[in-house]
C-alpha atoms as a PDB file:
ATOM      1  CA  MET A   1      -2.427 -14.425 -10.796  1.00  0.00           C
ATOM      2  CA  ARG A   2       0.511 -14.344  -8.777  1.00  0.00           C
ATOM      3  CA  ILE A   3       0.551 -11.833  -6.300  1.00  0.00           C
ATOM      4  CA  GLY A   4       3.250 -11.184  -4.382  1.00  0.00           C
ATOM      5  CA  VAL A   5       3.339  -9.685  -0.903  1.00  0.00           C
ATOM      6  CA  ILE A   6       6.284  -8.391   0.543  1.00  0.00           C
ATOM      7  CA  ALA A   7       7.067 -10.364   3.645  1.00  0.00           C
ATOM      8  CA  ILE A   8       9.990  -8.766   5.569  1.00  0.00           C
ATOM      9  CA  GLN A   9       7.358  -7.265   8.335  1.00  0.00           C
ATOM     10  CA  GLY A  10       3.836  -6.221   8.800  1.00  0.00           C
ATOM     11  CA  ASN A  11       0.073  -8.090   7.862  1.00  0.00           C
ATOM     12  CA  ILE A  12       1.407 -10.451   5.628  1.00  0.00           C
ATOM     13  CA  GLU A  13      -1.176 -12.848   6.733  1.00  0.00           C
ATOM     14  CA  GLU A  14      -4.132 -10.541   6.693  1.00  0.00           C
ATOM     15  CA  HIS A  15      -3.481  -9.771   3.034  1.00  0.00           C
ATOM     16  CA  ALA A  16      -2.670 -12.983   1.972  1.00  0.00           C
ATOM     17  CA  SER A  17      -6.272 -13.962   3.348  1.00  0.00           C
ATOM     18  CA  ALA A  18      -7.953 -10.985   1.342  1.00  0.00           C
ATOM     19  CA  ILE A  19      -6.704 -11.558  -1.196  1.00  0.00           C
ATOM     20  CA  LYS A  20      -7.702 -15.244  -1.353  1.00  0.00           C
ATOM     21  CA  GLU A  21     -11.299 -14.309  -0.227  1.00  0.00           C
ATOM     22  CA  ALA A  22     -11.201 -11.264  -2.958  1.00  0.00           C
ATOM     23  CA  SER A  23     -10.196 -13.799  -5.707  1.00  0.00           C
ATOM     24  CA  ARG A  24     -13.087 -16.356  -4.419  1.00  0.00           C
ATOM     25  CA  ILE A  25     -15.811 -13.612  -4.919  1.00  0.00           C
ATOM     26  CA  ALA A  26     -14.239 -11.911  -8.344  1.00  0.00           C
ATOM     27  CA  ASN A  27     -13.736 -16.051  -9.435  1.00  0.00           C
ATOM     28  CA  ILE A  28     -10.031 -15.153 -10.334  1.00  0.00           C
ATOM     29  CA  GLY A  29      -7.060 -18.204  -9.728  1.00  0.00           C
ATOM     30  CA  SER A  30      -4.617 -16.537  -7.762  1.00  0.00           C
ATOM     31  CA  GLU A  31      -1.205 -17.779  -6.571  1.00  0.00           C
ATOM     32  CA  ILE A  32       0.042 -15.744  -3.240  1.00  0.00           C
ATOM     33  CA  ILE A  33       3.575 -15.574  -3.083  1.00  0.00           C
ATOM     34  CA  LYS A  34       5.312 -14.343   0.323  1.00  0.00           C
ATOM     35  CA  ILE A  35       8.579 -12.324  -0.989  1.00  0.00           C
ATOM     36  CA  LYS A  36      11.503 -11.866   1.587  1.00  0.00           C
ATOM     37  CA  HIS A  37      14.386 -12.299  -1.101  1.00  0.00           C
ATOM     38  CA  LYS A  38      14.848 -10.964  -4.265  1.00  0.00           C
ATOM     39  CA  GLY A  39      14.839 -12.689  -7.607  1.00  0.00           C
ATOM     40  CA  ILE A  40      10.659 -13.510  -6.888  1.00  0.00           C
ATOM     41  CA  VAL A  41       9.358 -10.013  -7.709  1.00  0.00           C
ATOM     42  CA  PRO A  42      10.009 -10.218 -11.551  1.00  0.00           C
ATOM     43  CA  SER A  43       7.752 -13.035 -11.555  1.00  0.00           C
ATOM     44  CA  CYS A  44       4.787 -11.212 -10.417  1.00  0.00           C
ATOM     45  CA  ASP A  45       2.034  -9.742 -11.800  1.00  0.00           C
ATOM     46  CA  ALA A  46       0.816  -7.377  -8.938  1.00  0.00           C
ATOM     47  CA  ILE A  47       2.593  -6.277  -5.263  1.00  0.00           C
ATOM     48  CA  ILE A  48       1.390  -5.703  -2.178  1.00  0.00           C
ATOM     49  CA  ILE A  49       3.613  -3.444   0.208  1.00  0.00           C
ATOM     50  CA  PRO A  50       1.820  -4.130   3.800  1.00  0.00           C
ATOM     51  CA  GLY A  51       2.038  -1.804   6.676  1.00  0.00           C
ATOM     52  CA  GLY A  52       4.936  -2.397   9.873  1.00  0.00           C
ATOM     53  CA  GLU A  53       7.489  -0.043  10.552  1.00  0.00           C
ATOM     54  CA  SER A  54       8.524   1.835   7.286  1.00  0.00           C
ATOM     55  CA  THR A  55      11.759   2.564   7.937  1.00  0.00           C
ATOM     56  CA  THR A  56      12.571  -1.331   8.986  1.00  0.00           C
ATOM     57  CA  ILE A  57      10.555  -2.491   5.563  1.00  0.00           C
ATOM     58  CA  GLY A  58      12.488  -0.013   3.464  1.00  0.00           C
ATOM     59  CA  ARG A  59      16.135  -0.967   4.465  1.00  0.00           C
ATOM     60  CA  LEU A  60      15.490  -4.368   4.602  1.00  0.00           C
ATOM     61  CA  MET A  61      14.017  -4.125   0.811  1.00  0.00           C
ATOM     62  CA  GLU A  62      17.056  -2.330   0.224  1.00  0.00           C
ATOM     63  CA  LYS A  63      19.628  -4.434   1.576  1.00  0.00           C
ATOM     64  CA  GLU A  64      17.690  -7.526  -0.040  1.00  0.00           C
ATOM     65  CA  GLY A  65      17.701  -5.982  -3.066  1.00  0.00           C
ATOM     66  CA  ILE A  66      13.609  -6.172  -3.568  1.00  0.00           C
ATOM     67  CA  SER A  67      13.295  -2.142  -4.033  1.00  0.00           C
ATOM     68  CA  SER A  68      15.088  -1.828  -7.028  1.00  0.00           C
ATOM     69  CA  GLU A  69      13.130  -4.987  -8.349  1.00  0.00           C
ATOM     70  CA  ILE A  70       9.818  -3.501  -7.421  1.00  0.00           C
ATOM     71  CA  LYS A  71      11.080   0.254  -9.203  1.00  0.00           C
ATOM     72  CA  LYS A  72      11.850  -1.694 -12.583  1.00  0.00           C
ATOM     73  CA  ILE A  73       7.927  -3.645 -12.475  1.00  0.00           C
ATOM     74  CA  ALA A  74       6.521  -0.638 -11.396  1.00  0.00           C
ATOM     75  CA  ARG A  75       7.754   1.384 -14.505  1.00  0.00           C
ATOM     76  CA  ALA A  76       6.971  -1.486 -16.497  1.00  0.00           C
ATOM     77  CA  GLY A  77       3.346  -1.072 -15.391  1.00  0.00           C
ATOM     78  CA  VAL A  78       2.905  -4.081 -12.739  1.00  0.00           C
ATOM     79  CA  PRO A  79       0.090  -2.759 -10.418  1.00  0.00           C
ATOM     80  CA  ILE A  80       1.566  -2.083  -6.649  1.00  0.00           C
ATOM     81  CA  MET A  81      -0.894  -1.403  -3.702  1.00  0.00           C
ATOM     82  CA  GLY A  82       0.915  -0.282  -0.326  1.00  0.00           C
ATOM     83  CA  THR A  83      -0.970   0.410   2.929  1.00  0.00           C
ATOM     84  CA  CYS A  84       0.426   2.365   5.410  1.00  0.00           C
ATOM     85  CA  ALA A  85       3.946   1.708   6.178  1.00  0.00           C
ATOM     86  CA  GLY A  86       3.580   0.571   2.454  1.00  0.00           C
ATOM     87  CA  LEU A  87       1.809   4.225   0.649  1.00  0.00           C
ATOM     88  CA  ILE A  88       4.839   5.790   2.947  1.00  0.00           C
ATOM     89  CA  LEU A  89       7.717   3.782   0.727  1.00  0.00           C
ATOM     90  CA  LEU A  90       5.811   4.039  -2.272  1.00  0.00           C
ATOM     91  CA  ALA A  91       6.067   8.125  -2.107  1.00  0.00           C
ATOM     92  CA  LYS A  92       8.495  10.357  -3.677  1.00  0.00           C
ATOM     93  CA  HIS A  93       8.896  13.064  -1.197  1.00  0.00           C
ATOM     94  CA  GLY A  94       8.587  12.383   3.038  1.00  0.00           C
ATOM     95  CA  ASP A  95       8.145  14.588   6.031  1.00  0.00           C
ATOM     96  CA  GLU A  96      11.179  16.120   8.290  1.00  0.00           C
ATOM     97  CA  GLN A  97      10.606  12.255  10.032  1.00  0.00           C
ATOM     98  CA  VAL A  98      11.442  10.546   7.035  1.00  0.00           C
ATOM     99  CA  GLU A  99      14.840  12.517   6.130  1.00  0.00           C
ATOM    100  CA  LYS A 100      15.533  12.488  10.123  1.00  0.00           C
ATOM    101  CA  THR A 101      15.335   8.740   9.715  1.00  0.00           C
ATOM    102  CA  LYS A 102      17.042   8.975   6.612  1.00  0.00           C
ATOM    103  CA  GLN A 103      14.309   6.368   5.255  1.00  0.00           C
ATOM    104  CA  PRO A 104      14.579   4.924   1.900  1.00  0.00           C
ATOM    105  CA  LEU A 105      11.763   5.750  -0.154  1.00  0.00           C
ATOM    106  CA  LEU A 106      10.895   3.843  -3.295  1.00  0.00           C
ATOM    107  CA  GLU A 107      10.182   7.432  -5.224  1.00  0.00           C
ATOM    108  CA  LEU A 108       7.528   6.164  -7.585  1.00  0.00           C
ATOM    109  CA  MET A 109       4.315   7.734  -6.880  1.00  0.00           C
ATOM    110  CA  ASP A 110       4.369  11.593  -6.800  1.00  0.00           C
ATOM    111  CA  ILE A 111       3.030  12.448  -3.601  1.00  0.00           C
ATOM    112  CA  ARG A 112       4.897  13.921  -0.193  1.00  0.00           C
ATOM    113  CA  VAL A 113       3.510  12.132   3.275  1.00  0.00           C
ATOM    114  CA  ASN A 114       3.347  12.935   6.995  1.00  0.00           C
ATOM    115  CA  ARG A 115       4.162   9.697   8.394  1.00  0.00           C
ATOM    116  CA  ASN A 116       2.634  10.045  11.655  1.00  0.00           C
ATOM    117  CA  ALA A 117      -0.175  12.224  10.511  1.00  0.00           C
ATOM    118  CA  PHE A 118      -2.789  10.412  13.133  1.00  0.00           C
ATOM    119  CA  GLY A 119      -0.740   9.806  16.362  1.00  0.00           C
ATOM    120  CA  ARG A 120       0.760   7.037  18.033  1.00  0.00           C
ATOM    121  CA  GLN A 121      -0.431   3.309  18.403  1.00  0.00           C
ATOM    122  CA  LYS A 122      -2.518   4.020  21.226  1.00  0.00           C
ATOM    123  CA  GLU A 123      -4.459   6.839  18.815  1.00  0.00           C
ATOM    124  CA  SER A 124      -5.062   4.404  16.073  1.00  0.00           C
ATOM    125  CA  PHE A 125      -9.342   4.425  15.220  1.00  0.00           C
ATOM    126  CA  GLU A 126     -11.550   3.682  12.988  1.00  0.00           C
ATOM    127  CA  ALA A 127     -13.348   5.609  10.385  1.00  0.00           C
ATOM    128  CA  GLN A 128     -16.368   5.792   7.616  1.00  0.00           C
ATOM    129  CA  VAL A 129     -14.682   6.719   4.331  1.00  0.00           C
ATOM    130  CA  ASP A 130     -16.165   7.948   1.005  1.00  0.00           C
ATOM    131  CA  PHE A 131     -13.635   5.656  -1.109  1.00  0.00           C
ATOM    132  CA  LYS A 132     -14.162   6.994  -5.137  1.00  0.00           C
ATOM    133  CA  GLY A 133     -15.595   3.918  -6.932  1.00  0.00           C
ATOM    134  CA  LEU A 134     -16.795   1.895  -4.127  1.00  0.00           C
ATOM    135  CA  ASP A 135     -21.204   2.120  -3.723  1.00  0.00           C
ATOM    136  CA  SER A 136     -21.007   2.932   0.187  1.00  0.00           C
ATOM    137  CA  PRO A 137     -18.661   4.031   2.112  1.00  0.00           C
ATOM    138  CA  PHE A 138     -15.311   2.109   3.757  1.00  0.00           C
ATOM    139  CA  ASN A 139     -14.938   1.355   7.515  1.00  0.00           C
ATOM    140  CA  ALA A 140     -11.201   2.312   7.302  1.00  0.00           C
ATOM    141  CA  VAL A 141      -8.692   0.962  10.215  1.00  0.00           C
ATOM    142  CA  PHE A 142      -6.037   3.263  10.816  1.00  0.00           C
ATOM    143  CA  ILE A 143      -3.335   2.113  12.760  1.00  0.00           C
ATOM    144  CA  ARG A 144      -0.330   4.585  13.390  1.00  0.00           C
ATOM    145  CA  ALA A 145      -1.026   5.906  10.301  1.00  0.00           C
ATOM    146  CA  PRO A 146       0.385   8.403   7.551  1.00  0.00           C
ATOM    147  CA  CYS A 147      -1.210  10.842   5.146  1.00  0.00           C
ATOM    148  CA  ILE A 148      -0.519  12.592   2.008  1.00  0.00           C
ATOM    149  CA  THR A 149      -0.324  16.066   2.306  1.00  0.00           C
ATOM    150  CA  GLU A 150       0.290  17.108  -1.426  1.00  0.00           C
ATOM    151  CA  ALA A 151      -0.380  14.796  -4.588  1.00  0.00           C
ATOM    152  CA  GLY A 152       0.561  15.565  -8.162  1.00  0.00           C
ATOM    153  CA  ARG A 153      -1.160  16.305 -11.063  1.00  0.00           C
ATOM    154  CA  GLU A 154      -1.370  12.510 -12.014  1.00  0.00           C
ATOM    155  CA  VAL A 155      -2.214  11.163  -8.856  1.00  0.00           C
ATOM    156  CA  GLU A 156      -6.328  10.619  -8.595  1.00  0.00           C
ATOM    157  CA  VAL A 157      -7.483  11.592  -5.069  1.00  0.00           C
ATOM    158  CA  LEU A 158      -9.588   8.193  -4.026  1.00  0.00           C
ATOM    159  CA  ALA A 159     -10.689   9.105  -0.200  1.00  0.00           C
ATOM    160  CA  ARG A 160     -10.198  11.969   2.181  1.00  0.00           C
ATOM    161  CA  TYR A 161     -10.659  11.699   6.271  1.00  0.00           C
ATOM    162  CA  ASP A 162     -10.935  14.982   8.323  1.00  0.00           C
ATOM    163  CA  HIS A 163      -9.689  17.254   5.031  1.00  0.00           C
ATOM    164  CA  ALA A 164      -6.617  14.711   4.792  1.00  0.00           C
ATOM    165  CA  ILE A 165      -5.933  12.504   1.546  1.00  0.00           C
ATOM    166  CA  VAL A 166      -5.853   8.478   2.880  1.00  0.00           C
ATOM    167  CA  ALA A 167      -5.987   7.052  -0.106  1.00  0.00           C
ATOM    168  CA  ALA A 168      -4.728   7.857  -4.058  1.00  0.00           C
ATOM    169  CA  ARG A 169      -3.833   6.288  -7.313  1.00  0.00           C
ATOM    170  CA  GLN A 170      -1.047   6.800  -9.858  1.00  0.00           C
ATOM    171  CA  LYS A 171      -1.947   4.838 -12.837  1.00  0.00           C
ATOM    172  CA  ASN A 172      -0.802   1.523 -11.537  1.00  0.00           C
ATOM    173  CA  LEU A 173      -0.145   2.674  -7.963  1.00  0.00           C
ATOM    174  CA  LEU A 174      -2.413   2.413  -5.501  1.00  0.00           C
ATOM    175  CA  ALA A 175      -1.187   4.004  -1.745  1.00  0.00           C
ATOM    176  CA  LEU A 176      -3.699   3.506   1.182  1.00  0.00           C
ATOM    177  CA  ALA A 177      -3.465   5.044   4.748  1.00  0.00           C
ATOM    178  CA  PHE A 178      -5.548   2.512   6.223  1.00  0.00           C
ATOM    179  CA  HIS A 179      -5.380  -1.149   6.563  1.00  0.00           C
ATOM    180  CA  PRO A 180      -8.235  -2.831   4.397  1.00  0.00           C
ATOM    181  CA  GLU A 181      -6.978  -6.323   5.375  1.00  0.00           C
ATOM    182  CA  LEU A 182      -8.118  -5.894   8.991  1.00  0.00           C
ATOM    183  CA  THR A 183     -11.935  -5.329   7.859  1.00  0.00           C
ATOM    184  CA  GLY A 184     -13.595  -8.191   6.458  1.00  0.00           C
ATOM    185  CA  ASP A 185     -14.697  -5.883   3.512  1.00  0.00           C
ATOM    186  CA  PHE A 186     -12.882  -7.044   0.697  1.00  0.00           C
ATOM    187  CA  ARG A 187     -14.254  -4.403  -1.914  1.00  0.00           C
ATOM    188  CA  ILE A 188     -10.529  -2.362  -1.883  1.00  0.00           C
ATOM    189  CA  HIS A 189      -8.668  -5.936  -2.563  1.00  0.00           C
ATOM    190  CA  LEU A 190     -11.507  -6.348  -5.681  1.00  0.00           C
ATOM    191  CA  TYR A 191     -10.790  -2.605  -6.612  1.00  0.00           C
ATOM    192  CA  PHE A 192      -6.841  -3.829  -6.520  1.00  0.00           C
ATOM    193  CA  MET A 193      -7.452  -6.744  -8.588  1.00  0.00           C
ATOM    194  CA  LYS A 194      -9.452  -4.983 -11.152  1.00  0.00           C
ATOM    195  CA  MET A 195      -5.837  -3.154 -11.879  1.00  0.00           C
ATOM    196  CA  PHE A 196      -4.565  -6.209 -13.269  1.00  0.00           C
ATOM    197  CA  LYS A 197      -7.249  -8.267 -14.637  1.00  0.00           C
END
């Protein structure tokens, strides 16, 4: 399995380590590909868009020609996981902040997002969330996190925190407001791997 991590900015190494560990647990051979330029996305079996600064990642993905490649493989059913900034980028609709910064979105998932739902960096926190499909709560790390404010009919809500939607899935797309790669709990990466097993 070739798993591509968009390596423009954000938690790249942490996702690579989590995928390696999840692959070992699931006994699946995987190769992690760090993607900075176009031409690599089409050869991947799955893609992770990590956290970071969503406007910067979105603009650089467009500039590099990566965005159009992601849209193409997403429509072909290739699994894509977006965490934090990645969740924002997967969305069809943003909030006023997204519009004000003219942030490019991939517009793949039928969700509306609030870009800074839980405040600034210093207001980052951890919380136990019930994640559909996991047998016990997941310790979610929220760092300047977004949330989903509206979800379309085809979107399955997987987790909420304080009434806000913080994890959702639409077919081959998985969006998380938090950072599963920072926990040492690999169950969400394993959940993602089952999407392309």
